[in-house]
Amino acid sequence: MLKSDTTKLKSYSSDHSTSPPIIHMPRAFNAAHDLLERNILAGRSKKIAYIDDAGRYTYEELIARANQSGNAFLKLGLNIEDRIMIVHSDTVDFPAVFLGAIKVGVVPIAVNTLLTPDDYEFMLEDSRAKALIVTSSLMEKLDRAISKSKYLQHIIVSGDELSGYHNLQRLQSLASDECDPAVTSCDDSCFWLYSSGSTGAPKGTIHVHSSLAHTAELYAKPVLGIKETDVVFSAAKLFFAYGLGNGLTFPLSVGATTVLMAERPTPDSVFKRLKEHQPTIFYGVPTLFGAMLASDHLPNRSEVSIRVATSAGEALPAEIGKRWTSHFGSEILDGIGSTEMLHIFLSNRPGDCQYGSTGKPVPGYEIRLVDENGQDVPTGELGELQIKGPSAANLYWNQRQKSRETFCGEWTRAGDKYSVDAQGFYTYGGRSDDMLKVSGLYVSPFEVEGVLVSHAAVLEAAVVGDEDEDKLIKPRAYVVLVDSSQASSELVEDLKEYVKSKLAPFKYPRWIEFVDELPKTATGKIQRFKLRQRT
């Protein structure tokens, strides 16, 4: 194991008097040590860092839990660069184990809690994680993956004690709350996030220690204006790149307070936190904003303290933004980020917010729109979105060809089509491939089609995106039946439930239309663009 020597570690510094801000990143740098230590040095030991469903925790208590987690990993025999997978609900122990791992040089892999047993089995094998940290209520979905894993050495259950497994809270209680950080470099692998690609297969996206700081300094501080006095609440969970910045990197970088919620973000569960804890920054996604505005329980402007809201994951319909501002008085800063770039690189600004657009480049990031030959497209025309910025991931794990296709020198291909107007506002024009984004999550039409075709009544299927009443994209399926006489509304509902039973729930088709045949090329490939023209 790499020896610790805290005298070698340095904190980064930044100069916000310029645009973009200048960030001086030292070679010897540990992201977790920096995020935690800067709050102690600023005198915030007794300030509330996190509020979750069980209580409130000061920065001093957060650091103690992170240190205990790191020491527990070392005691289990985990070494620098070993990988641990985290399948954990949003409680204070998520940042504790995530930061504790990074502090001792172990590489955490934050994973979506809404996936299927097949997904977890693939990710455990693909990552070769040596340890798994999982919330006790999620264990049932992980049982098969655990039993089949060839690499797992430790299963650590958070919450209820389960026979035969380590208990996270017990391990923390037995470990010291003082922990020397590993002397990592700013370019060392720091953490992974899994991203879905055009085939639907997850890809391990590797980020380095400097990436977290860059997103805080380039987006959170100059665009959001986040400060120590803010209380932040993200409906997007910590396992998302979006949620990780919202609820961990950004507030810790300035000493703000973060509200965490373990349950699924519904309008009522979100309203409860907005009224109880009075967050000043609220991070959401378009689907949620639309549902909140349609709710009979929508709070009055005087009942909440939101000074700014953000949206990402999918394009925000202009009407939702306008209705939000009309009701609450605050703006929704629609932006776009990606797992590959870690957080938002194109965003609207306070006082310079044009609904229907995704805003302008975040200072420190460069944007270009190119045609199929790699040439810049004229103003107003659609082109492929590419980004250059310091928070880009290193590569996809064990995906050499996809890494080469996505990370092209200093530029990263987003897979989205955009246009830019004369004022510099960028507008979303769709995906470059057939992938759909549903509630901020990528959905592969091929994956949904495969499940539909596995149903005994289905001969062929094709899935495309369609807009619902709020102009948000959802899957629509066109299905050819083995026996067309079986077509019925009952079969439509049966097929929807069938997909839900096989895939994560957000992937099921909201509409199913029975057709006699699917449009195809001469070689038999489905022409989805013709189906999209029908929607």
Protein backbone atom coordinates (compact mmCIF):
# COMPACT_ATOMS: atom_id res chain seq x y z
CA MET A 1 0.00 0.00 0.00
CA LEU A 2 1.13 3.55 -0.77
CA LYS A 3 2.38 5.21 2.40
CA SER A 4 0.61 8.31 3.68
CA ASP A 5 2.49 11.57 4.17
CA THR A 6 0.14 14.48 4.68
CA THR A 7 2.99 16.98 4.36
CA LYS A 8 3.13 16.14 0.64
CA LEU A 9 -0.57 16.79 -0.02
CA LYS A 10 -1.60 20.24 -1.15
CA SER A 11 -4.92 22.02 -1.63
CA TYR A 12 -5.80 23.60 -4.94
CA SER A 13 -6.28 27.35 -5.22
CA SER A 14 -8.50 29.35 -7.57
CA ASP A 15 -8.73 32.89 -8.87
CA HIS A 16 -12.28 33.96 -9.75
CA SER A 17 -11.31 37.46 -10.80
CA THR A 18 -10.79 36.14 -14.32
CA SER A 19 -13.15 34.40 -16.74
CA PRO A 20 -12.81 31.50 -16.81
CA PRO A 21 -11.53 31.15 -13.24
CA ILE A 22 -7.89 30.08 -12.97
CA ILE A 23 -7.43 26.86 -10.98
CA HIS A 24 -4.01 25.90 -9.68
CA MET A 25 -4.04 22.13 -9.15
CA PRO A 26 -1.09 20.62 -7.24
CA ARG A 27 0.42 17.35 -8.36
CA ALA A 28 0.03 15.69 -4.93
CA PHE A 29 -3.72 15.98 -4.35
CA ASN A 30 -6.40 13.87 -2.66
CA ALA A 31 -9.93 15.01 -3.51
CA ALA A 32 -11.61 13.71 -0.35
CA HIS A 33 -8.93 15.07 1.98
CA ASP A 34 -9.24 18.46 0.29
CA LEU A 35 -13.07 18.63 0.42
CA LEU A 36 -13.16 17.65 4.10
CA GLU A 37 -10.09 19.48 5.38
CA ARG A 38 -11.01 22.84 3.87
CA ASN A 39 -14.13 22.98 6.05
CA ILE A 40 -12.19 22.33 9.24
CA LEU A 41 -9.62 24.99 8.31
CA ALA A 42 -12.50 27.41 7.67
CA GLY A 43 -13.85 26.83 11.19
CA ARG A 44 -16.97 24.90 10.17
CA SER A 45 -16.53 21.90 12.49
CA LYS A 46 -19.84 22.54 14.26
CA LYS A 47 -21.79 23.64 11.19
CA ILE A 48 -24.43 21.25 9.82
CA ALA A 49 -23.12 19.46 6.74
CA TYR A 50 -25.95 16.99 6.08
CA ILE A 51 -29.57 16.52 7.03
CA ASP A 52 -31.01 13.10 6.15
CA ASP A 53 -34.16 11.22 7.13
CA ALA A 54 -32.58 10.15 10.45
CA GLY A 55 -30.93 13.34 11.70
CA ARG A 56 -28.44 16.18 11.33
CA TYR A 57 -24.67 15.85 11.10
CA THR A 58 -21.98 18.48 11.54
CA TYR A 59 -18.89 18.72 9.38
CA GLU A 60 -16.95 17.30 12.31
CA GLU A 61 -19.26 14.27 12.43
CA LEU A 62 -19.12 13.81 8.64
CA ILE A 63 -15.33 13.78 8.71
CA ALA A 64 -15.32 11.30 11.59
CA ARG A 65 -17.64 8.95 9.67
CA ALA A 66 -15.54 9.28 6.52
CA ASN A 67 -12.35 8.56 8.45
CA GLN A 68 -13.94 5.56 10.17
CA SER A 69 -15.10 4.24 6.80
CA GLY A 70 -11.63 4.63 5.31
CA ASN A 71 -10.00 2.91 8.26
CA ALA A 72 -12.55 0.09 8.07
CA PHE A 73 -11.66 -0.51 4.42
CA LEU A 74 -7.96 -0.65 5.28
CA LYS A 75 -8.65 -3.07 8.15
CA LEU A 76 -10.48 -5.36 5.70
CA GLY A 77 -7.31 -5.48 3.61
CA LEU A 78 -8.39 -3.17 0.80
CA ASN A 79 -5.47 -1.33 -0.78
CA ILE A 80 -4.91 1.70 -2.96
CA GLU A 81 -6.60 1.38 -6.37
CA ASP A 82 -8.79 -1.52 -5.21
CA ARG A 83 -12.40 -0.94 -6.26
CA ILE A 84 -15.53 -1.00 -4.12
CA MET A 85 -19.09 -0.78 -5.44
CA ILE A 86 -21.61 1.40 -3.60
CA VAL A 87 -25.32 0.62 -4.01
CA HIS A 88 -26.64 2.90 -1.31
CA SER A 89 -29.66 5.11 -0.70
CA ASP A 90 -29.17 8.82 -0.02
CA THR A 91 -28.23 9.02 3.66
CA VAL A 92 -25.19 10.54 5.39
CA ASP A 93 -23.37 7.21 4.99
CA PHE A 94 -23.21 7.62 1.21
CA PRO A 95 -20.83 10.61 1.37
CA ALA A 96 -19.09 9.00 4.35
CA VAL A 97 -18.15 5.81 2.49
CA PHE A 98 -17.57 7.56 -0.85
CA LEU A 99 -15.17 10.10 0.65
CA GLY A 100 -13.68 7.61 3.10
CA ALA A 101 -12.72 5.31 0.24
CA ILE A 102 -11.18 8.11 -1.82
CA LYS A 103 -9.25 9.40 1.19
CA VAL A 104 -7.39 6.08 1.61
CA GLY A 105 -6.91 5.62 -2.14
CA VAL A 106 -9.63 3.01 -2.64
CA VAL A 107 -11.74 3.69 -5.76
CA PRO A 108 -15.52 3.86 -5.14
CA ILE A 109 -17.99 2.98 -7.90
CA ALA A 110 -21.34 4.69 -7.28
CA VAL A 111 -24.16 2.67 -8.84
CA ASN A 112 -27.83 3.34 -9.56
CA THR A 113 -30.11 1.77 -6.92
CA LEU A 114 -32.93 1.27 -9.48
CA LEU A 115 -31.25 -1.32 -11.69
CA THR A 116 -32.03 -5.00 -12.23
CA PRO A 117 -30.17 -8.07 -10.91
CA ASP A 118 -28.71 -8.55 -14.40
CA ASP A 119 -27.26 -5.03 -14.34
CA TYR A 120 -25.61 -5.55 -10.96
CA GLU A 121 -24.22 -8.90 -12.01
CA PHE A 122 -22.64 -7.32 -15.09
CA MET A 123 -21.18 -4.36 -13.19
CA LEU A 124 -19.64 -6.47 -10.42
CA GLU A 125 -17.96 -8.71 -12.97
CA ASP A 126 -16.94 -5.87 -15.27
CA SER A 127 -15.42 -3.73 -12.49
CA ARG A 128 -13.93 -6.65 -10.52
CA ALA A 129 -14.88 -4.82 -7.35
CA LYS A 130 -13.42 -6.45 -4.26
CA ALA A 131 -16.05 -5.07 -1.89
CA LEU A 132 -19.71 -4.16 -2.11
CA ILE A 133 -21.51 -1.69 0.14
CA VAL A 134 -25.27 -2.04 -0.12
CA THR A 135 -28.28 -0.69 1.76
CA SER A 136 -30.00 -3.60 3.53
CA SER A 137 -33.34 -2.96 1.78
CA LEU A 138 -31.63 -3.47 -1.60
CA MET A 139 -29.93 -6.75 -0.76
CA GLU A 140 -32.54 -8.91 -2.47
CA LYS A 141 -31.67 -7.39 -5.86
CA LEU A 142 -27.97 -8.06 -5.25
CA ASP A 143 -28.22 -11.67 -3.98
CA ARG A 144 -27.71 -13.34 -7.35
CA ALA A 145 -24.92 -10.99 -8.40
CA ILE A 146 -23.12 -11.62 -5.11
CA SER A 147 -23.40 -15.38 -5.44
CA LYS A 148 -21.99 -15.33 -8.98
CA SER A 149 -19.17 -12.84 -8.43
CA LYS A 150 -15.64 -14.21 -8.80
CA TYR A 151 -13.97 -11.11 -7.35
CA LEU A 152 -15.99 -9.97 -4.33
CA GLN A 153 -14.18 -10.52 -1.05
CA HIS A 154 -16.35 -8.41 1.28
CA ILE A 155 -20.07 -7.62 1.38
CA ILE A 156 -20.86 -4.72 3.70
CA VAL A 157 -24.52 -4.12 4.51
CA SER A 158 -25.66 -0.67 5.62
CA GLY A 159 -28.64 -0.49 7.96
CA ASP A 160 -30.12 -3.73 9.27
CA GLU A 161 -27.63 -6.38 10.36
CA LEU A 162 -27.80 -9.45 8.13
CA SER A 163 -26.28 -12.75 9.17
CA GLY A 164 -23.08 -13.65 7.33
CA TYR A 165 -22.26 -10.12 6.19
CA HIS A 166 -20.31 -7.18 7.59
CA ASN A 167 -22.42 -4.32 8.94
CA LEU A 168 -21.26 -0.87 7.87
CA GLN A 169 -22.28 0.95 11.02
CA ARG A 170 -20.58 -1.67 13.20
CA LEU A 171 -17.38 -1.45 11.16
CA GLN A 172 -17.43 2.33 11.51
CA SER A 173 -17.96 2.16 15.26
CA LEU A 174 -14.94 -0.10 15.67
CA ALA A 175 -12.63 2.08 13.56
CA SER A 176 -10.64 5.17 14.53
CA ASP A 177 -12.09 8.55 13.56
CA GLU A 178 -8.63 9.80 12.61
CA CYS A 179 -7.27 8.76 9.23
CA ASP A 180 -4.19 9.74 7.26
CA PRO A 181 -4.95 10.31 3.58
CA ALA A 182 -3.19 8.37 0.86
CA VAL A 183 -0.81 10.54 -1.13
CA THR A 184 -2.55 10.38 -4.49
CA SER A 185 -1.92 12.58 -7.51
CA CYS A 186 -4.40 14.90 -9.19
CA ASP A 187 -4.36 12.48 -12.16
CA ASP A 188 -4.93 9.27 -10.16
CA SER A 189 -8.15 7.33 -10.71
CA CYS A 190 -10.51 8.63 -8.05
CA PHE A 191 -13.98 7.12 -8.66
CA TRP A 192 -16.13 5.47 -11.32
CA LEU A 193 -19.64 6.07 -12.54
CA TYR A 194 -21.40 3.74 -14.97
CA SER A 195 -22.78 5.26 -18.16
CA SER A 196 -25.06 3.61 -20.71
CA GLY A 197 -23.98 3.71 -24.33
CA SER A 198 -25.63 3.35 -27.69
CA THR A 199 -25.89 -0.43 -27.25
CA GLY A 200 -27.37 -0.04 -23.78
CA ALA A 201 -24.42 -1.85 -22.18
CA PRO A 202 -23.11 0.05 -19.13
CA LYS A 203 -19.62 1.54 -19.38
CA GLY A 204 -17.37 2.17 -16.39
CA THR A 205 -16.40 5.84 -16.66
CA ILE A 206 -13.20 6.65 -14.79
CA HIS A 207 -12.70 10.10 -13.24
CA VAL A 208 -9.55 11.49 -11.62
CA HIS A 209 -9.00 13.36 -8.35
CA SER A 210 -8.95 16.82 -9.93
CA SER A 211 -12.35 16.45 -11.64
CA LEU A 212 -14.52 17.17 -8.59
CA ALA A 213 -12.72 20.45 -7.87
CA HIS A 214 -13.02 21.62 -11.46
CA THR A 215 -16.81 21.17 -11.52
CA ALA A 216 -17.16 23.12 -8.27
CA GLU A 217 -14.91 25.97 -9.37
CA LEU A 218 -16.17 26.29 -12.95
CA TYR A 219 -19.92 25.67 -12.53
CA ALA A 220 -21.11 25.71 -8.92
CA LYS A 221 -19.43 28.90 -7.76
CA PRO A 222 -19.62 31.19 -10.82
CA VAL A 223 -22.91 29.95 -12.32
CA LEU A 224 -24.98 28.90 -9.30
CA GLY A 225 -23.29 31.33 -6.96
CA ILE A 226 -23.30 28.65 -4.25
CA LYS A 227 -22.06 29.88 -0.88
CA GLU A 228 -21.66 28.76 2.72
CA THR A 229 -25.08 30.06 3.78
CA ASP A 230 -26.95 27.98 1.19
CA VAL A 231 -29.05 24.92 1.99
CA VAL A 232 -29.17 22.62 -1.04
CA PHE A 233 -31.51 19.79 -1.97
CA SER A 234 -31.13 17.54 -5.00
CA ALA A 235 -33.96 15.31 -6.18
CA ALA A 236 -31.36 13.63 -8.40
CA LYS A 237 -29.65 10.99 -6.30
CA LEU A 238 -25.98 10.92 -5.33
CA PHE A 239 -25.22 7.95 -7.59
CA PHE A 240 -25.81 10.16 -10.65
CA ALA A 241 -23.01 12.42 -11.90
CA TYR A 242 -25.54 15.27 -11.65
CA GLY A 243 -26.58 14.38 -8.11
CA LEU A 244 -23.01 13.75 -6.94
CA GLY A 245 -22.05 17.32 -7.76
CA ASN A 246 -25.31 18.75 -6.43
CA GLY A 247 -25.30 16.98 -3.08
CA LEU A 248 -21.62 16.34 -2.37
CA THR A 249 -18.97 18.22 -4.32
CA PHE A 250 -20.62 21.63 -4.53
CA PRO A 251 -21.86 22.06 -0.95
CA LEU A 252 -18.67 20.65 0.56
CA SER A 253 -16.55 22.98 -1.57
CA VAL A 254 -18.07 26.02 0.19
CA GLY A 255 -19.33 24.60 3.49
CA ALA A 256 -23.05 24.66 2.66
CA THR A 257 -25.71 22.36 4.18
CA THR A 258 -27.19 19.50 2.15
CA VAL A 259 -30.60 17.83 2.55
CA LEU A 260 -30.68 14.13 1.59
CA MET A 261 -33.78 12.03 0.94
CA ALA A 262 -33.69 8.24 0.74
CA GLU A 263 -37.12 7.75 -0.81
CA ARG A 264 -38.08 8.19 -4.45
CA PRO A 265 -38.56 11.85 -5.44
CA THR A 266 -42.29 12.38 -5.89
CA PRO A 267 -43.92 15.81 -5.79
CA ASP A 268 -45.18 15.21 -2.24
CA SER A 269 -41.84 13.92 -0.91
CA VAL A 270 -40.04 16.88 -2.48
CA PHE A 271 -42.58 19.41 -1.18
CA LYS A 272 -42.09 18.01 2.32
CA ARG A 273 -38.34 18.76 2.23
CA LEU A 274 -38.78 22.13 0.56
CA LYS A 275 -41.10 23.27 3.33
CA GLU A 276 -39.37 21.59 6.29
CA HIS A 277 -35.76 22.48 5.52
CA GLN A 278 -36.16 25.58 3.33
CA PRO A 279 -33.41 24.85 0.79
CA THR A 280 -32.23 27.83 -1.22
CA ILE A 281 -30.93 25.75 -4.16
CA PHE A 282 -33.08 22.98 -5.61
CA TYR A 283 -31.81 20.59 -8.26
CA GLY A 284 -34.40 18.69 -10.31
CA VAL A 285 -35.16 17.14 -13.69
CA PRO A 286 -37.86 18.21 -16.19
CA THR A 287 -40.18 15.28 -15.48
CA LEU A 288 -40.23 16.14 -11.78
CA PHE A 289 -40.71 19.88 -12.36
CA GLY A 290 -43.69 19.09 -14.58
CA ALA A 291 -45.22 16.75 -12.00
CA MET A 292 -44.69 19.28 -9.20
CA LEU A 293 -46.41 22.05 -11.13
CA ALA A 294 -49.35 19.74 -11.90
CA SER A 295 -49.78 18.69 -8.27
CA ASP A 296 -52.74 19.80 -6.18
CA HIS A 297 -50.32 20.23 -3.26
CA LEU A 298 -47.99 22.74 -4.93
CA PRO A 299 -46.70 25.10 -2.18
CA ASN A 300 -47.15 28.83 -2.40
CA ARG A 301 -44.14 31.03 -3.11
CA SER A 302 -44.10 32.17 0.53
CA GLU A 303 -43.81 28.58 1.82
CA VAL A 304 -40.40 27.90 0.26
CA SER A 305 -37.01 29.67 0.06
CA ILE A 306 -35.74 28.61 -3.39
CA ARG A 307 -33.54 31.34 -4.86
CA VAL A 308 -32.43 29.24 -7.84
CA ALA A 309 -33.30 25.84 -9.33
CA THR A 310 -31.42 23.78 -11.88
CA SER A 311 -32.51 21.18 -14.41
CA ALA A 312 -30.51 18.59 -16.33
CA GLY A 313 -30.83 15.07 -17.66
CA GLU A 314 -33.08 16.01 -20.58
CA ALA A 315 -34.16 19.22 -22.29
CA LEU A 316 -36.49 21.37 -20.17
CA PRO A 317 -39.67 22.33 -22.05
CA ALA A 318 -39.96 26.12 -22.16
CA GLU A 319 -43.51 26.08 -20.82
CA ILE A 320 -42.46 24.26 -17.63
CA GLY A 321 -39.73 26.84 -16.98
CA LYS A 322 -42.10 29.75 -17.53
CA ARG A 323 -44.78 28.26 -15.27
CA TRP A 324 -42.20 27.63 -12.53
CA THR A 325 -40.92 31.21 -12.62
CA SER A 326 -44.46 32.58 -12.69
CA HIS A 327 -45.37 30.57 -9.59
CA PHE A 328 -42.20 30.68 -7.47
CA GLY A 329 -40.41 33.75 -8.80
CA SER A 330 -37.10 31.87 -9.18
CA GLU A 331 -35.53 30.67 -12.41
CA ILE A 332 -34.78 27.09 -13.47
CA LEU A 333 -31.30 27.09 -14.98
CA ASP A 334 -31.56 24.40 -17.61
CA GLY A 335 -28.22 22.85 -18.51
CA ILE A 336 -26.59 19.77 -19.94
CA GLY A 337 -23.86 17.62 -18.46
CA SER A 338 -22.86 14.01 -18.85
CA THR A 339 -21.29 11.16 -16.94
CA GLU A 340 -18.26 11.59 -19.21
CA MET A 341 -17.85 15.30 -18.34
CA LEU A 342 -18.99 14.73 -14.72
CA HIS A 343 -21.30 17.72 -14.49
CA ILE A 344 -22.85 20.64 -16.40
CA PHE A 345 -20.79 22.28 -19.15
CA LEU A 346 -23.55 24.22 -20.94
CA SER A 347 -26.08 26.19 -18.90
CA ASN A 348 -28.42 29.12 -18.58
CA ARG A 349 -27.40 31.80 -16.08
CA PRO A 350 -29.27 33.74 -13.41
CA GLY A 351 -30.66 36.82 -15.14
CA ASP A 352 -29.67 35.43 -18.54
CA CYS A 353 -32.07 32.51 -18.80
CA GLN A 354 -33.72 31.72 -22.12
CA TYR A 355 -36.32 29.00 -21.68
CA GLY A 356 -36.33 26.52 -24.53
CA SER A 357 -32.54 26.67 -24.76
CA THR A 358 -29.76 24.97 -22.78
CA GLY A 359 -27.93 28.26 -22.33
CA LYS A 360 -24.30 29.08 -23.04
CA PRO A 361 -20.97 27.33 -22.37
CA VAL A 362 -19.87 27.25 -18.74
CA PRO A 363 -16.64 29.28 -18.36
CA GLY A 364 -13.68 26.91 -18.65
CA TYR A 365 -15.43 24.68 -21.21
CA GLU A 366 -15.33 25.02 -24.98
CA ILE A 367 -18.17 23.84 -27.20
CA ARG A 368 -18.18 23.05 -30.90
CA LEU A 369 -20.88 21.76 -33.24
CA VAL A 370 -19.64 19.71 -36.20
CA ASP A 371 -21.08 17.91 -39.19
CA GLU A 372 -20.40 14.31 -40.22
CA ASN A 373 -17.04 15.42 -41.67
CA GLY A 374 -15.92 17.08 -38.46
CA GLN A 375 -16.39 20.61 -39.85
CA ASP A 376 -18.04 23.39 -37.85
CA VAL A 377 -21.70 23.91 -38.80
CA PRO A 378 -23.12 27.38 -39.54
CA THR A 379 -25.08 29.29 -36.92
CA GLY A 380 -28.62 27.95 -36.63
CA GLU A 381 -27.85 24.52 -38.09
CA LEU A 382 -27.77 21.22 -36.20
CA GLY A 383 -24.39 19.71 -35.46
CA GLU A 384 -22.87 17.07 -33.21
CA LEU A 385 -22.05 18.49 -29.77
CA GLN A 386 -18.43 18.17 -28.65
CA ILE A 387 -16.90 19.53 -25.44
CA LYS A 388 -13.41 20.41 -24.24
CA GLY A 389 -12.95 20.86 -20.51
CA PRO A 390 -10.84 19.79 -17.50
CA SER A 391 -13.44 17.47 -15.91
CA ALA A 392 -13.55 14.98 -18.79
CA ALA A 393 -13.18 11.33 -17.79
CA ASN A 394 -9.99 9.43 -18.55
CA LEU A 395 -11.62 6.56 -20.41
CA TYR A 396 -14.21 3.79 -20.32
CA TRP A 397 -13.00 0.73 -18.43
CA ASN A 398 -12.19 -2.19 -20.77
CA GLN A 399 -13.90 -0.40 -23.67
CA ARG A 400 -10.98 0.67 -25.86
CA GLN A 401 -12.92 1.28 -29.06
CA LYS A 402 -15.72 3.20 -27.36
CA SER A 403 -13.12 5.25 -25.47
CA ARG A 404 -11.47 6.17 -28.76
CA GLU A 405 -14.81 7.10 -30.31
CA THR A 406 -15.87 9.30 -27.37
CA PHE A 407 -12.65 10.84 -26.04
CA CYS A 408 -10.99 12.40 -29.08
CA GLY A 409 -7.88 14.11 -27.78
CA GLU A 410 -9.01 17.14 -25.78
CA TRP A 411 -12.56 16.86 -27.13
CA THR A 412 -15.38 14.65 -25.84
CA ARG A 413 -18.30 13.64 -28.05
CA ALA A 414 -21.62 14.06 -26.27
CA GLY A 415 -23.80 12.09 -28.69
CA ASP A 416 -26.30 14.97 -28.87
CA LYS A 417 -27.36 17.23 -31.71
CA TYR A 418 -27.46 20.97 -31.01
CA SER A 419 -27.78 24.30 -32.78
CA VAL A 420 -26.59 27.71 -31.61
CA ASP A 421 -28.22 31.07 -32.36
CA ALA A 422 -26.61 34.45 -32.99
CA GLN A 423 -26.84 35.33 -29.28
CA GLY A 424 -24.84 32.25 -28.31
CA PHE A 425 -27.73 30.21 -26.85
CA TYR A 426 -27.60 26.49 -27.61
CA THR A 427 -30.78 24.49 -28.33
CA TYR A 428 -31.14 20.71 -28.10
CA GLY A 429 -31.97 18.89 -31.33
CA GLY A 430 -32.07 15.24 -30.31
CA ARG A 431 -29.71 12.32 -29.84
CA SER A 432 -27.07 11.50 -32.43
CA ASP A 433 -28.03 7.83 -32.14
CA ASP A 434 -31.26 6.04 -31.27
CA MET A 435 -30.82 6.27 -27.51
CA LEU A 436 -33.69 7.81 -25.56
CA LYS A 437 -33.42 9.89 -22.40
CA VAL A 438 -36.31 9.17 -20.04
CA SER A 439 -36.49 11.05 -16.73
CA GLY A 440 -32.84 11.93 -17.19
CA LEU A 441 -31.74 8.32 -17.76
CA TYR A 442 -30.64 6.75 -21.02
CA VAL A 443 -32.84 4.00 -22.39
CA SER A 444 -31.70 1.76 -25.22
CA PRO A 445 -34.53 0.96 -27.65
CA PHE A 446 -32.75 -2.29 -28.48
CA GLU A 447 -32.97 -3.41 -24.86
CA VAL A 448 -36.72 -2.71 -24.62
CA GLU A 449 -37.33 -4.33 -28.00
CA GLY A 450 -35.48 -7.45 -26.89
CA VAL A 451 -37.77 -7.86 -23.90
CA LEU A 452 -40.93 -7.27 -25.94
CA VAL A 453 -39.88 -9.85 -28.52
CA SER A 454 -39.30 -12.38 -25.74
CA HIS A 455 -43.04 -12.27 -24.98
CA ALA A 456 -44.88 -15.22 -26.54
CA ALA A 457 -47.40 -13.00 -28.31
CA VAL A 458 -44.83 -10.71 -29.99
CA LEU A 459 -43.16 -11.33 -33.33
CA GLU A 460 -41.31 -8.04 -33.83
CA ALA A 461 -40.98 -4.73 -32.00
CA ALA A 462 -39.43 -1.31 -32.49
CA VAL A 463 -39.12 1.45 -29.88
CA VAL A 464 -38.75 5.18 -30.50
CA GLY A 465 -39.14 8.31 -28.40
CA ASP A 466 -42.36 10.30 -28.25
CA GLU A 467 -43.44 13.36 -26.29
CA ASP A 468 -46.01 13.21 -23.52
CA GLU A 469 -48.37 16.05 -22.64
CA ASP A 470 -45.48 17.97 -21.00
CA LYS A 471 -43.29 17.49 -24.09
CA LEU A 472 -40.99 15.09 -22.22
CA ILE A 473 -39.62 12.06 -24.03
CA LYS A 474 -40.98 8.61 -23.19
CA PRO A 475 -40.70 5.26 -25.06
CA ARG A 476 -43.33 4.35 -27.65
CA ALA A 477 -43.39 0.77 -28.98
CA TYR A 478 -44.64 -0.49 -32.33
CA VAL A 479 -45.40 -4.20 -32.09
CA VAL A 480 -46.08 -6.90 -34.66
CA LEU A 481 -48.00 -9.78 -33.08
CA VAL A 482 -47.65 -13.45 -33.86
CA ASP A 483 -51.43 -13.53 -34.16
CA SER A 484 -52.89 -10.12 -35.00
CA SER A 485 -56.28 -11.19 -33.74
CA GLN A 486 -54.88 -11.08 -30.19
CA ALA A 487 -54.54 -7.29 -30.31
CA SER A 488 -56.43 -5.73 -27.40
CA SER A 489 -56.14 -3.09 -24.70
CA GLU A 490 -55.63 -5.92 -22.20
CA LEU A 491 -52.58 -7.14 -24.14
CA VAL A 492 -51.18 -3.60 -24.20
CA GLU A 493 -51.27 -3.48 -20.40
CA ASP A 494 -49.89 -7.01 -20.16
CA LEU A 495 -46.90 -6.07 -22.33
CA LYS A 496 -46.21 -2.95 -20.27
CA GLU A 497 -46.16 -4.99 -17.05
CA TYR A 498 -44.01 -7.62 -18.75
CA VAL A 499 -41.33 -5.04 -19.62
CA LYS A 500 -41.49 -3.60 -16.09
CA SER A 501 -40.85 -7.08 -14.68
CA LYS A 502 -37.73 -7.52 -16.81
CA LEU A 503 -36.18 -4.04 -16.84
CA ALA A 504 -35.86 -1.00 -14.59
CA PRO A 505 -39.38 0.54 -14.40
CA PHE A 506 -38.56 3.81 -16.17
CA LYS A 507 -37.76 1.87 -19.37
CA TYR A 508 -41.24 0.51 -20.08
CA PRO A 509 -43.11 1.85 -23.17
CA ARG A 510 -45.82 4.36 -22.22
CA TRP A 511 -47.63 3.67 -25.48
CA ILE A 512 -47.90 0.44 -27.48
CA GLU A 513 -49.31 0.39 -30.99
CA PHE A 514 -49.98 -2.85 -32.86
CA VAL A 515 -48.94 -2.76 -36.55
CA ASP A 516 -48.96 -5.28 -39.40
CA GLU A 517 -45.30 -4.71 -40.24
CA LEU A 518 -42.31 -2.53 -39.40
CA PRO A 519 -40.58 -0.32 -41.99
CA LYS A 520 -37.22 -1.85 -42.94
CA THR A 521 -34.29 -1.36 -45.26
CA ALA A 522 -33.48 -3.84 -48.03
CA THR A 523 -31.09 -5.56 -45.64
CA GLY A 524 -33.76 -5.95 -42.97
CA LYS A 525 -32.80 -3.12 -40.60
CA ILE A 526 -35.69 -1.33 -38.92
CA GLN A 527 -36.07 2.26 -40.13
CA ARG A 528 -36.83 3.97 -36.84
CA PHE A 529 -36.82 7.41 -38.41
CA LYS A 530 -40.00 6.45 -40.30
CA LEU A 531 -41.63 5.43 -37.03
CA ARG A 532 -40.56 8.69 -35.41
CA GLN A 533 -42.26 10.54 -38.24
CA ARG A 534 -45.54 8.83 -37.25
CA THR A 535 -45.44 10.01 -33.63
